[in-house]
Amino acid sequence: MTKSLVKVPVERVEKRILLIRGEKVILDADLAVLYGVENRALVQAVKRNSKRFPKDFVFQLTRDEFDSLRSQTVISKGRGGRRFLPYAFTEHGAIMAANLLNPHVSTHYG
């Protein structure tokens, strides 16, 4: 089947990129919004396919990292809060997640 191309404006991606552990990453909730899926669907796909996500693709934030981001108002408290610590996706992890969520869509930033 032919892949369709979805273009995401670079500005939408850039404002969600954070520097954590010396890596440029995007948090799971932001990635889910960009890909138009529920956050839990994204996290479930990653967990089901954990062998495709080595540590240089995705990692889970520590409580201290999460609290630090929250204190910088990068993460809103939202209604009900999170039940788990967020996952941070590197560029390769974000691309792998896109391929898992919709294997018929090729994501291009720019």
PDB file of N, CA and C in Angstrom:
ATOM      1  N   MET A   1       0.844  -1.173   0.000  1.00  0.00           N
ATOM      2  CA  MET A   1       0.000   0.000   0.000  1.00  0.00           C
ATOM      3  C   MET A   1       0.889   1.235   0.000  1.00  0.00           C
ATOM      4  N   THR A   2       0.518   2.270  -0.722  1.00  0.00           N
ATOM      5  CA  THR A   2       1.273   3.497  -0.820  1.00  0.00           C
ATOM      6  C   THR A   2       1.113   4.315   0.451  1.00  0.00           C
ATOM      7  N   LYS A   3       2.209   4.861   0.926  1.00  0.00           N
ATOM      8  CA  LYS A   3       2.151   5.705   2.103  1.00  0.00           C
ATOM      9  C   LYS A   3       1.723   7.105   1.711  1.00  0.00           C
ATOM     10  N   SER A   4       0.825   7.693   2.516  1.00  0.00           N
ATOM     11  CA  SER A   4       0.466   9.092   2.296  1.00  0.00           C
ATOM     12  C   SER A   4       1.370   9.932   3.181  1.00  0.00           C
ATOM     13  N   LEU A   5       1.590  11.168   2.789  1.00  0.00           N
ATOM     14  CA  LEU A   5       2.503  12.042   3.492  1.00  0.00           C
ATOM     15  C   LEU A   5       1.710  13.054   4.301  1.00  0.00           C
ATOM     16  N   VAL A   6       1.980  13.119   5.601  1.00  0.00           N
ATOM     17  CA  VAL A   6       1.354  14.097   6.473  1.00  0.00           C
ATOM     18  C   VAL A   6       2.422  15.108   6.835  1.00  0.00           C
ATOM     19  N   LYS A   7       2.179  16.370   6.522  1.00  0.00           N
ATOM     20  CA  LYS A   7       3.139  17.415   6.850  1.00  0.00           C
ATOM     21  C   LYS A   7       2.702  18.110   8.130  1.00  0.00           C
ATOM     22  N   VAL A   8       3.602  18.142   9.090  1.00  0.00           N
ATOM     23  CA  VAL A   8       3.368  18.824  10.351  1.00  0.00           C
ATOM     24  C   VAL A   8       4.197  20.095  10.317  1.00  0.00           C
ATOM     25  N   PRO A   9       3.568  21.270  10.488  1.00  0.00           N
ATOM     26  CA  PRO A   9       4.353  22.503  10.472  1.00  0.00           C
ATOM     27  C   PRO A   9       5.464  22.458  11.522  1.00  0.00           C
ATOM     28  N   VAL A  10       6.653  22.827  11.098  1.00  0.00           N
ATOM     29  CA  VAL A  10       7.819  22.741  11.965  1.00  0.00           C
ATOM     30  C   VAL A  10       7.631  23.553  13.250  1.00  0.00           C
ATOM     31  N   GLU A  11       6.891  24.644  13.176  1.00  0.00           N
ATOM     32  CA  GLU A  11       6.652  25.466  14.373  1.00  0.00           C
ATOM     33  C   GLU A  11       5.879  24.701  15.441  1.00  0.00           C
ATOM     34  N   ARG A  12       4.950  23.843  15.012  1.00  0.00           N
ATOM     35  CA  ARG A  12       4.171  23.040  15.974  1.00  0.00           C
ATOM     36  C   ARG A  12       5.072  22.057  16.704  1.00  0.00           C
ATOM     37  N   VAL A  13       6.075  21.570  16.021  1.00  0.00           N
ATOM     38  CA  VAL A  13       6.988  20.600  16.616  1.00  0.00           C
ATOM     39  C   VAL A  13       8.026  21.315  17.482  1.00  0.00           C
ATOM     40  N   GLU A  14       8.617  22.373  16.957  1.00  0.00           N
ATOM     41  CA  GLU A  14       9.699  23.071  17.660  1.00  0.00           C
ATOM     42  C   GLU A  14       9.300  23.545  19.044  1.00  0.00           C
ATOM     43  N   LYS A  15       8.082  24.070  19.190  1.00  0.00           N
ATOM     44  CA  LYS A  15       7.691  24.611  20.498  1.00  0.00           C
ATOM     45  C   LYS A  15       7.447  23.517  21.537  1.00  0.00           C
ATOM     46  N   ARG A  16       7.417  22.280  21.110  1.00  0.00           N
ATOM     47  CA  ARG A  16       7.214  21.164  22.047  1.00  0.00           C
ATOM     48  C   ARG A  16       8.507  20.424  22.393  1.00  0.00           C
ATOM     49  N   ILE A  17       9.593  20.797  21.768  1.00  0.00           N
ATOM     50  CA  ILE A  17      10.869  20.117  22.002  1.00  0.00           C
ATOM     51  C   ILE A  17      11.507  20.631  23.287  1.00  0.00           C
ATOM     52  N   LEU A  18      11.923  19.694  24.129  1.00  0.00           N
ATOM     53  CA  LEU A  18      12.576  20.006  25.396  1.00  0.00           C
ATOM     54  C   LEU A  18      13.968  19.388  25.412  1.00  0.00           C
ATOM     55  N   LEU A  19      14.833  19.899  26.260  1.00  0.00           N
ATOM     56  CA  LEU A  19      16.151  19.314  26.451  1.00  0.00           C
ATOM     57  C   LEU A  19      16.163  18.626  27.811  1.00  0.00           C
ATOM     58  N   ILE A  20      16.205  17.302  27.783  1.00  0.00           N
ATOM     59  CA  ILE A  20      16.206  16.493  29.007  1.00  0.00           C
ATOM     60  C   ILE A  20      17.321  15.466  28.888  1.00  0.00           C
ATOM     61  N   ARG A  21      18.139  15.372  29.908  1.00  0.00           N
ATOM     62  CA  ARG A  21      19.281  14.455  29.928  1.00  0.00           C
ATOM     63  C   ARG A  21      20.200  14.683  28.727  1.00  0.00           C
ATOM     64  N   GLY A  22      20.289  15.929  28.298  1.00  0.00           N
ATOM     65  CA  GLY A  22      21.149  16.261  27.178  1.00  0.00           C
ATOM     66  C   GLY A  22      20.597  15.852  25.825  1.00  0.00           C
ATOM     67  N   GLU A  23      19.352  15.417  25.781  1.00  0.00           N
ATOM     68  CA  GLU A  23      18.699  14.970  24.542  1.00  0.00           C
ATOM     69  C   GLU A  23      17.548  15.904  24.200  1.00  0.00           C
ATOM     70  N   LYS A  24      17.378  16.190  22.922  1.00  0.00           N
ATOM     71  CA  LYS A  24      16.191  16.900  22.462  1.00  0.00           C
ATOM     72  C   LYS A  24      15.074  15.876  22.373  1.00  0.00           C
ATOM     73  N   VAL A  25      13.997  16.130  23.121  1.00  0.00           N
ATOM     74  CA  VAL A  25      12.899  15.171  23.201  1.00  0.00           C
ATOM     75  C   VAL A  25      11.561  15.887  23.114  1.00  0.00           C
ATOM     76  N   ILE A  26      10.535  15.080  22.894  1.00  0.00           N
ATOM     77  CA  ILE A  26       9.157  15.555  22.952  1.00  0.00           C
ATOM     78  C   ILE A  26       8.404  14.593  23.864  1.00  0.00           C
ATOM     79  N   LEU A  27       7.595  15.145  24.760  1.00  0.00           N
ATOM     80  CA  LEU A  27       6.878  14.309  25.721  1.00  0.00           C
ATOM     81  C   LEU A  27       5.710  13.589  25.067  1.00  0.00           C
ATOM     82  N   ASP A  28       5.348  12.462  25.658  1.00  0.00           N
ATOM     83  CA  ASP A  28       4.296  11.611  25.101  1.00  0.00           C
ATOM     84  C   ASP A  28       2.995  12.359  24.840  1.00  0.00           C
ATOM     85  N   ALA A  29       2.558  13.188  25.762  1.00  0.00           N
ATOM     86  CA  ALA A  29       1.288  13.897  25.583  1.00  0.00           C
ATOM     87  C   ALA A  29       1.346  14.833  24.381  1.00  0.00           C
ATOM     88  N   ASP A  30       2.473  15.514  24.189  1.00  0.00           N
ATOM     89  CA  ASP A  30       2.627  16.411  23.041  1.00  0.00           C
ATOM     90  C   ASP A  30       2.705  15.629  21.736  1.00  0.00           C
ATOM     91  N   LEU A  31       3.396  14.504  21.766  1.00  0.00           N
ATOM     92  CA  LEU A  31       3.511  13.671  20.569  1.00  0.00           C
ATOM     93  C   LEU A  31       2.139  13.115  20.180  1.00  0.00           C
ATOM     94  N   ALA A  32       1.372  12.710  21.169  1.00  0.00           N
ATOM     95  CA  ALA A  32       0.029  12.193  20.904  1.00  0.00           C
ATOM     96  C   ALA A  32      -0.839  13.259  20.234  1.00  0.00           C
ATOM     97  N   VAL A  33      -0.737  14.501  20.695  1.00  0.00           N
ATOM     98  CA  VAL A  33      -1.501  15.589  20.077  1.00  0.00           C
ATOM     99  C   VAL A  33      -1.071  15.776  18.627  1.00  0.00           C
ATOM    100  N   LEU A  34       0.239  15.792  18.388  1.00  0.00           N
ATOM    101  CA  LEU A  34       0.733  15.965  17.017  1.00  0.00           C
ATOM    102  C   LEU A  34       0.258  14.854  16.093  1.00  0.00           C
ATOM    103  N   TYR A  35       0.177  13.630  16.613  1.00  0.00           N
ATOM    104  CA  TYR A  35      -0.230  12.495  15.796  1.00  0.00           C
ATOM    105  C   TYR A  35      -1.733  12.247  15.805  1.00  0.00           C
ATOM    106  N   GLY A  36      -2.468  13.038  16.598  1.00  0.00           N
ATOM    107  CA  GLY A  36      -3.920  12.916  16.609  1.00  0.00           C
ATOM    108  C   GLY A  36      -4.429  11.645  17.251  1.00  0.00           C
ATOM    109  N   VAL A  37      -3.747  11.184  18.299  1.00  0.00           N
ATOM    110  CA  VAL A  37      -4.179   9.985  19.018  1.00  0.00           C
ATOM    111  C   VAL A  37      -4.254  10.300  20.503  1.00  0.00           C
ATOM    112  N   GLU A  38      -4.912   9.435  21.249  1.00  0.00           N
ATOM    113  CA  GLU A  38      -4.934   9.588  22.697  1.00  0.00           C
ATOM    114  C   GLU A  38      -3.573   9.204  23.254  1.00  0.00           C
ATOM    115  N   ASN A  39      -3.179   9.879  24.314  1.00  0.00           N
ATOM    116  CA  ASN A  39      -1.892   9.601  24.933  1.00  0.00           C
ATOM    117  C   ASN A  39      -1.787   8.133  25.343  1.00  0.00           C
ATOM    118  N   ARG A  40      -2.859   7.608  25.892  1.00  0.00           N
ATOM    119  CA  ARG A  40      -2.804   6.208  26.339  1.00  0.00           C
ATOM    120  C   ARG A  40      -2.589   5.247  25.168  1.00  0.00           C
ATOM    121  N   ALA A  41      -3.130   5.574  23.988  1.00  0.00           N
ATOM    122  CA  ALA A  41      -2.916   4.728  22.813  1.00  0.00           C
ATOM    123  C   ALA A  41      -1.444   4.744  22.410  1.00  0.00           C
ATOM    124  N   LEU A  42      -0.824   5.908  22.486  1.00  0.00           N
ATOM    125  CA  LEU A  42       0.597   6.029  22.174  1.00  0.00           C
ATOM    126  C   LEU A  42       1.427   5.208  23.156  1.00  0.00           C
ATOM    127  N   VAL A  43       1.181   5.374  24.437  1.00  0.00           N
ATOM    128  CA  VAL A  43       1.946   4.656  25.459  1.00  0.00           C
ATOM    129  C   VAL A  43       1.729   3.149  25.341  1.00  0.00           C
ATOM    130  N   GLN A  44       0.504   2.721  25.083  1.00  0.00           N
ATOM    131  CA  GLN A  44       0.231   1.295  24.926  1.00  0.00           C
ATOM    132  C   GLN A  44       0.971   0.720  23.728  1.00  0.00           C
ATOM    133  N   ALA A  45       1.014   1.462  22.627  1.00  0.00           N
ATOM    134  CA  ALA A  45       1.727   0.991  21.433  1.00  0.00           C
ATOM    135  C   ALA A  45       3.210   0.832  21.733  1.00  0.00           C
ATOM    136  N   VAL A  46       3.772   1.772  22.480  1.00  0.00           N
ATOM    137  CA  VAL A  46       5.193   1.697  22.840  1.00  0.00           C
ATOM    138  C   VAL A  46       5.447   0.494  23.749  1.00  0.00           C
ATOM    139  N   LYS A  47       4.603   0.299  24.727  1.00  0.00           N
ATOM    140  CA  LYS A  47       4.778  -0.830  25.644  1.00  0.00           C
ATOM    141  C   LYS A  47       4.642  -2.173  24.927  1.00  0.00           C
ATOM    142  N   ARG A  48       3.680  -2.268  24.006  1.00  0.00           N
ATOM    143  CA  ARG A  48       3.490  -3.517  23.249  1.00  0.00           C
ATOM    144  C   ARG A  48       4.665  -3.814  22.329  1.00  0.00           C
ATOM    145  N   ASN A  49       5.367  -2.778  21.921  1.00  0.00           N
ATOM    146  CA  ASN A  49       6.476  -2.919  20.974  1.00  0.00           C
ATOM    147  C   ASN A  49       7.783  -2.445  21.589  1.00  0.00           C
ATOM    148  N   SER A  50       7.995  -2.745  22.843  1.00  0.00           N
ATOM    149  CA  SER A  50       9.145  -2.210  23.586  1.00  0.00           C
ATOM    150  C   SER A  50      10.493  -2.555  22.947  1.00  0.00           C
ATOM    151  N   LYS A  51      10.580  -3.664  22.235  1.00  0.00           N
ATOM    152  CA  LYS A  51      11.845  -4.039  21.597  1.00  0.00           C
ATOM    153  C   LYS A  51      12.230  -3.075  20.481  1.00  0.00           C
ATOM    154  N   ARG A  52      11.269  -2.344  19.954  1.00  0.00           N
ATOM    155  CA  ARG A  52      11.542  -1.364  18.900  1.00  0.00           C
ATOM    156  C   ARG A  52      11.980  -0.007  19.455  1.00  0.00           C
ATOM    157  N   PHE A  53      11.943   0.126  20.778  1.00  0.00           N
ATOM    158  CA  PHE A  53      12.244   1.405  21.416  1.00  0.00           C
ATOM    159  C   PHE A  53      13.397   1.274  22.408  1.00  0.00           C
ATOM    160  N   PRO A  54      14.632   1.262  21.898  1.00  0.00           N
ATOM    161  CA  PRO A  54      15.771   1.237  22.822  1.00  0.00           C
ATOM    162  C   PRO A  54      15.844   2.546  23.611  1.00  0.00           C
ATOM    163  N   LYS A  55      16.706   2.581  24.605  1.00  0.00           N
ATOM    164  CA  LYS A  55      16.807   3.740  25.491  1.00  0.00           C
ATOM    165  C   LYS A  55      17.179   5.023  24.769  1.00  0.00           C
ATOM    166  N   ASP A  56      17.797   4.933  23.594  1.00  0.00           N
ATOM    167  CA  ASP A  56      18.110   6.162  22.869  1.00  0.00           C
ATOM    168  C   ASP A  56      16.935   6.609  21.989  1.00  0.00           C
ATOM    169  N   PHE A  57      15.813   5.895  22.045  1.00  0.00           N
ATOM    170  CA  PHE A  57      14.593   6.297  21.337  1.00  0.00           C
ATOM    171  C   PHE A  57      13.571   6.894  22.303  1.00  0.00           C
ATOM    172  N   VAL A  58      13.456   6.315  23.486  1.00  0.00           N
ATOM    173  CA  VAL A  58      12.446   6.754  24.454  1.00  0.00           C
ATOM    174  C   VAL A  58      12.904   6.385  25.862  1.00  0.00           C
ATOM    175  N   PHE A  59      12.572   7.258  26.814  1.00  0.00           N
ATOM    176  CA  PHE A  59      12.819   6.962  28.216  1.00  0.00           C
ATOM    177  C   PHE A  59      11.734   7.613  29.051  1.00  0.00           C
ATOM    178  N   GLN A  60      11.514   7.056  30.238  1.00  0.00           N
ATOM    179  CA  GLN A  60      10.506   7.606  31.130  1.00  0.00           C
ATOM    180  C   GLN A  60      11.175   8.592  32.078  1.00  0.00           C
ATOM    181  N   LEU A  61      10.545   9.735  32.289  1.00  0.00           N
ATOM    182  CA  LEU A  61      11.092  10.745  33.182  1.00  0.00           C
ATOM    183  C   LEU A  61      11.099  10.235  34.616  1.00  0.00           C
ATOM    184  N   THR A  62      12.038  10.724  35.390  1.00  0.00           N
ATOM    185  CA  THR A  62      12.049  10.445  36.820  1.00  0.00           C
ATOM    186  C   THR A  62      11.081  11.415  37.497  1.00  0.00           C
ATOM    187  N   ARG A  63      10.749  11.144  38.712  1.00  0.00           N
ATOM    188  CA  ARG A  63       9.869  12.035  39.476  1.00  0.00           C
ATOM    189  C   ARG A  63      10.497  13.428  39.574  1.00  0.00           C
ATOM    190  N   ASP A  64      11.808  13.506  39.832  1.00  0.00           N
ATOM    191  CA  ASP A  64      12.482  14.806  39.936  1.00  0.00           C
ATOM    192  C   ASP A  64      12.416  15.570  38.617  1.00  0.00           C
ATOM    193  N   GLU A  65      12.644  14.882  37.490  1.00  0.00           N
ATOM    194  CA  GLU A  65      12.562  15.538  36.178  1.00  0.00           C
ATOM    195  C   GLU A  65      11.152  16.064  35.925  1.00  0.00           C
ATOM    196  N   PHE A  66      10.171  15.247  36.242  1.00  0.00           N
ATOM    197  CA  PHE A  66       8.778  15.631  36.044  1.00  0.00           C
ATOM    198  C   PHE A  66       8.421  16.834  36.907  1.00  0.00           C
ATOM    199  N   ASP A  67       8.806  16.787  38.176  1.00  0.00           N
ATOM    200  CA  ASP A  67       8.520  17.903  39.078  1.00  0.00           C
ATOM    201  C   ASP A  67       9.213  19.182  38.624  1.00  0.00           C
ATOM    202  N   SER A  68      10.431  19.051  38.116  1.00  0.00           N
ATOM    203  CA  SER A  68      11.166  20.207  37.615  1.00  0.00           C
ATOM    204  C   SER A  68      10.458  20.824  36.414  1.00  0.00           C
ATOM    205  N   LEU A  69      10.000  20.000  35.484  1.00  0.00           N
ATOM    206  CA  LEU A  69       9.273  20.511  34.318  1.00  0.00           C
ATOM    207  C   LEU A  69       7.968  21.166  34.746  1.00  0.00           C
ATOM    208  N   ARG A  70       7.294  20.553  35.681  1.00  0.00           N
ATOM    209  CA  ARG A  70       6.022  21.114  36.155  1.00  0.00           C
ATOM    210  C   ARG A  70       6.258  22.469  36.812  1.00  0.00           C
ATOM    211  N   SER A  71       7.355  22.585  37.577  1.00  0.00           N
ATOM    212  CA  SER A  71       7.635  23.861  38.244  1.00  0.00           C
ATOM    213  C   SER A  71       8.001  24.955  37.247  1.00  0.00           C
ATOM    214  N   GLN A  72       8.465  24.564  36.065  1.00  0.00           N
ATOM    215  CA  GLN A  72       8.774  25.517  35.004  1.00  0.00           C
ATOM    216  C   GLN A  72       7.541  25.795  34.146  1.00  0.00           C
ATOM    217  N   THR A  73       6.403  25.256  34.524  1.00  0.00           N
ATOM    218  CA  THR A  73       5.114  25.374  33.830  1.00  0.00           C
ATOM    219  C   THR A  73       5.131  24.818  32.414  1.00  0.00           C
ATOM    220  N   VAL A  74       6.055  23.913  32.121  1.00  0.00           N
ATOM    221  CA  VAL A  74       6.059  23.246  30.822  1.00  0.00           C
ATOM    222  C   VAL A  74       4.921  22.229  30.780  1.00  0.00           C
ATOM    223  N   ILE A  75       4.619  21.643  31.928  1.00  0.00           N
ATOM    224  CA  ILE A  75       3.551  20.653  32.021  1.00  0.00           C
ATOM    225  C   ILE A  75       2.447  21.233  32.899  1.00  0.00           C
ATOM    226  N   SER A  76       1.236  21.290  32.364  1.00  0.00           N
ATOM    227  CA  SER A  76       0.130  21.787  33.178  1.00  0.00           C
ATOM    228  C   SER A  76      -0.352  20.674  34.093  1.00  0.00           C
ATOM    229  N   LYS A  77      -0.969  21.071  35.179  1.00  0.00           N
ATOM    230  CA  LYS A  77      -1.483  20.074  36.109  1.00  0.00           C
ATOM    231  C   LYS A  77      -2.709  19.378  35.541  1.00  0.00           C
ATOM    232  N   GLY A  78      -3.467  20.072  34.716  1.00  0.00           N
ATOM    233  CA  GLY A  78      -4.612  19.441  34.059  1.00  0.00           C
ATOM    234  C   GLY A  78      -5.643  18.929  35.040  1.00  0.00           C
ATOM    235  N   ARG A  79      -6.698  18.346  34.511  1.00  0.00           N
ATOM    236  CA  ARG A  79      -7.747  17.776  35.357  1.00  0.00           C
ATOM    237  C   ARG A  79      -7.375  16.344  35.701  1.00  0.00           C
ATOM    238  N   GLY A  80      -7.316  16.040  36.957  1.00  0.00           N
ATOM    239  CA  GLY A  80      -7.067  14.677  37.384  1.00  0.00           C
ATOM    240  C   GLY A  80      -5.598  14.284  37.436  1.00  0.00           C
ATOM    241  N   GLY A  81      -4.754  14.967  36.726  1.00  0.00           N
ATOM    242  CA  GLY A  81      -3.331  14.658  36.744  1.00  0.00           C
ATOM    243  C   GLY A  81      -2.999  13.357  36.029  1.00  0.00           C
ATOM    244  N   ARG A  82      -1.722  13.060  35.999  1.00  0.00           N
ATOM    245  CA  ARG A  82      -1.239  11.841  35.341  1.00  0.00           C
ATOM    246  C   ARG A  82      -1.137  10.722  36.357  1.00  0.00           C
ATOM    247  N   ARG A  83      -1.316   9.512  35.884  1.00  0.00           N
ATOM    248  CA  ARG A  83      -1.165   8.344  36.756  1.00  0.00           C
ATOM    249  C   ARG A  83       0.211   7.719  36.625  1.00  0.00           C
ATOM    250  N   PHE A  84       0.990   8.198  35.655  1.00  0.00           N
ATOM    251  CA  PHE A  84       2.330   7.660  35.448  1.00  0.00           C
ATOM    252  C   PHE A  84       3.233   8.790  34.993  1.00  0.00           C
ATOM    253  N   LEU A  85       4.510   8.580  35.118  1.00  0.00           N
ATOM    254  CA  LEU A  85       5.471   9.577  34.681  1.00  0.00           C
ATOM    255  C   LEU A  85       5.524   9.591  33.153  1.00  0.00           C
ATOM    256  N   PRO A  86       5.699  10.772  32.555  1.00  0.00           N
ATOM    257  CA  PRO A  86       5.697  10.874  31.096  1.00  0.00           C
ATOM    258  C   PRO A  86       6.886  10.166  30.452  1.00  0.00           C
ATOM    259  N   TYR A  87       6.687   9.796  29.212  1.00  0.00           N
ATOM    260  CA  TYR A  87       7.764   9.265  28.388  1.00  0.00           C
ATOM    261  C   TYR A  87       8.292  10.397  27.524  1.00  0.00           C
ATOM    262  N   ALA A  88       9.604  10.399  27.297  1.00  0.00           N
ATOM    263  CA  ALA A  88      10.260  11.385  26.439  1.00  0.00           C
ATOM    264  C   ALA A  88      10.777  10.658  25.208  1.00  0.00           C
ATOM    265  N   PHE A  89      10.418  11.154  24.021  1.00  0.00           N
ATOM    266  CA  PHE A  89      10.791  10.534  22.761  1.00  0.00           C
ATOM    267  C   PHE A  89      11.849  11.369  22.056  1.00  0.00           C
ATOM    268  N   THR A  90      12.931  10.724  21.655  1.00  0.00           N
ATOM    269  CA  THR A  90      13.913  11.389  20.809  1.00  0.00           C
ATOM    270  C   THR A  90      13.341  11.419  19.384  1.00  0.00           C
ATOM    271  N   GLU A  91      14.060  12.036  18.471  1.00  0.00           N
ATOM    272  CA  GLU A  91      13.593  12.104  17.095  1.00  0.00           C
ATOM    273  C   GLU A  91      13.320  10.713  16.528  1.00  0.00           C
ATOM    274  N   HIS A  92      14.248   9.788  16.750  1.00  0.00           N
ATOM    275  CA  HIS A  92      14.061   8.424  16.232  1.00  0.00           C
ATOM    276  C   HIS A  92      12.870   7.737  16.894  1.00  0.00           C
ATOM    277  N   GLY A  93      12.671   7.979  18.176  1.00  0.00           N
ATOM    278  CA  GLY A  93      11.536   7.399  18.872  1.00  0.00           C
ATOM    279  C   GLY A  93      10.210   7.946  18.371  1.00  0.00           C
ATOM    280  N   ALA A  94      10.186   9.240  18.063  1.00  0.00           N
ATOM    281  CA  ALA A  94       8.964   9.859  17.540  1.00  0.00           C
ATOM    282  C   ALA A  94       8.604   9.276  16.178  1.00  0.00           C
ATOM    283  N   ILE A  95       9.606   9.052  15.356  1.00  0.00           N
ATOM    284  CA  ILE A  95       9.366   8.467  14.032  1.00  0.00           C
ATOM    285  C   ILE A  95       8.886   7.021  14.165  1.00  0.00           C
ATOM    286  N   MET A  96       9.514   6.262  15.062  1.00  0.00           N
ATOM    287  CA  MET A  96       9.092   4.880  15.282  1.00  0.00           C
ATOM    288  C   MET A  96       7.654   4.835  15.791  1.00  0.00           C
ATOM    289  N   ALA A  97       7.307   5.743  16.688  1.00  0.00           N
ATOM    290  CA  ALA A  97       5.939   5.789  17.210  1.00  0.00           C
ATOM    291  C   ALA A  97       4.951   6.075  16.086  1.00  0.00           C
ATOM    292  N   ALA A  98       5.294   6.987  15.197  1.00  0.00           N
ATOM    293  CA  ALA A  98       4.411   7.303  14.070  1.00  0.00           C
ATOM    294  C   ALA A  98       4.191   6.069  13.209  1.00  0.00           C
ATOM    295  N   ASN A  99       5.242   5.328  12.972  1.00  0.00           N
ATOM    296  CA  ASN A  99       5.129   4.112  12.152  1.00  0.00           C
ATOM    297  C   ASN A  99       4.263   3.055  12.821  1.00  0.00           C
ATOM    298  N   LEU A 100       4.319   2.972  14.141  1.00  0.00           N
ATOM    299  CA  LEU A 100       3.488   1.997  14.859  1.00  0.00           C
ATOM    300  C   LEU A 100       2.023   2.403  14.854  1.00  0.00           C
ATOM    301  N   LEU A 101       1.782   3.691  15.051  1.00  0.00           N
ATOM    302  CA  LEU A 101       0.409   4.168  15.163  1.00  0.00           C
ATOM    303  C   LEU A 101      -0.333   4.120  13.845  1.00  0.00           C
ATOM    304  N   ASN A 102       0.365   4.401  12.775  1.00  0.00           N
ATOM    305  CA  ASN A 102      -0.260   4.336  11.461  1.00  0.00           C
ATOM    306  C   ASN A 102       0.801   3.978  10.434  1.00  0.00           C
ATOM    307  N   PRO A 103       0.961   2.696  10.159  1.00  0.00           N
ATOM    308  CA  PRO A 103       2.026   2.260   9.260  1.00  0.00           C
ATOM    309  C   PRO A 103       1.858   2.724   7.815  1.00  0.00           C
ATOM    310  N   HIS A 104       0.716   3.309   7.489  1.00  0.00           N
ATOM    311  CA  HIS A 104       0.484   3.763   6.121  1.00  0.00           C
ATOM    312  C   HIS A 104       0.736   5.256   5.951  1.00  0.00           C
ATOM    313  N   VAL A 105       1.183   5.913   7.033  1.00  0.00           N
ATOM    314  CA  VAL A 105       1.443   7.343   6.971  1.00  0.00           C
ATOM    315  C   VAL A 105       2.921   7.598   7.217  1.00  0.00           C
ATOM    316  N   SER A 106       3.543   8.346   6.348  1.00  0.00           N
ATOM    317  CA  SER A 106       4.924   8.760   6.514  1.00  0.00           C
ATOM    318  C   SER A 106       4.909  10.189   7.026  1.00  0.00           C
ATOM    319  N   THR A 107       5.524  10.437   8.168  1.00  0.00           N
ATOM    320  CA  THR A 107       5.502  11.757   8.765  1.00  0.00           C
ATOM    321  C   THR A 107       6.716  12.540   8.316  1.00  0.00           C
ATOM    322  N   HIS A 108       6.488  13.784   7.926  1.00  0.00           N
ATOM    323  CA  HIS A 108       7.567  14.669   7.475  1.00  0.00           C
ATOM    324  C   HIS A 108       7.423  15.989   8.214  1.00  0.00           C
ATOM    325  N   TYR A 109       8.504  16.459   8.776  1.00  0.00           N
ATOM    326  CA  TYR A 109       8.509  17.751   9.455  1.00  0.00           C
ATOM    327  C   TYR A 109       9.113  18.776   8.532  1.00  0.00           C
ATOM    328  N   GLY A 110       8.427  19.883   8.377  1.00  0.00           N
ATOM    329  CA  GLY A 110       8.997  20.946   7.563  1.00  0.00           C
ATOM    330  C   GLY A 110       7.982  21.768   6.862  1.00  0.00           C
TER     331      GLY A 110
END
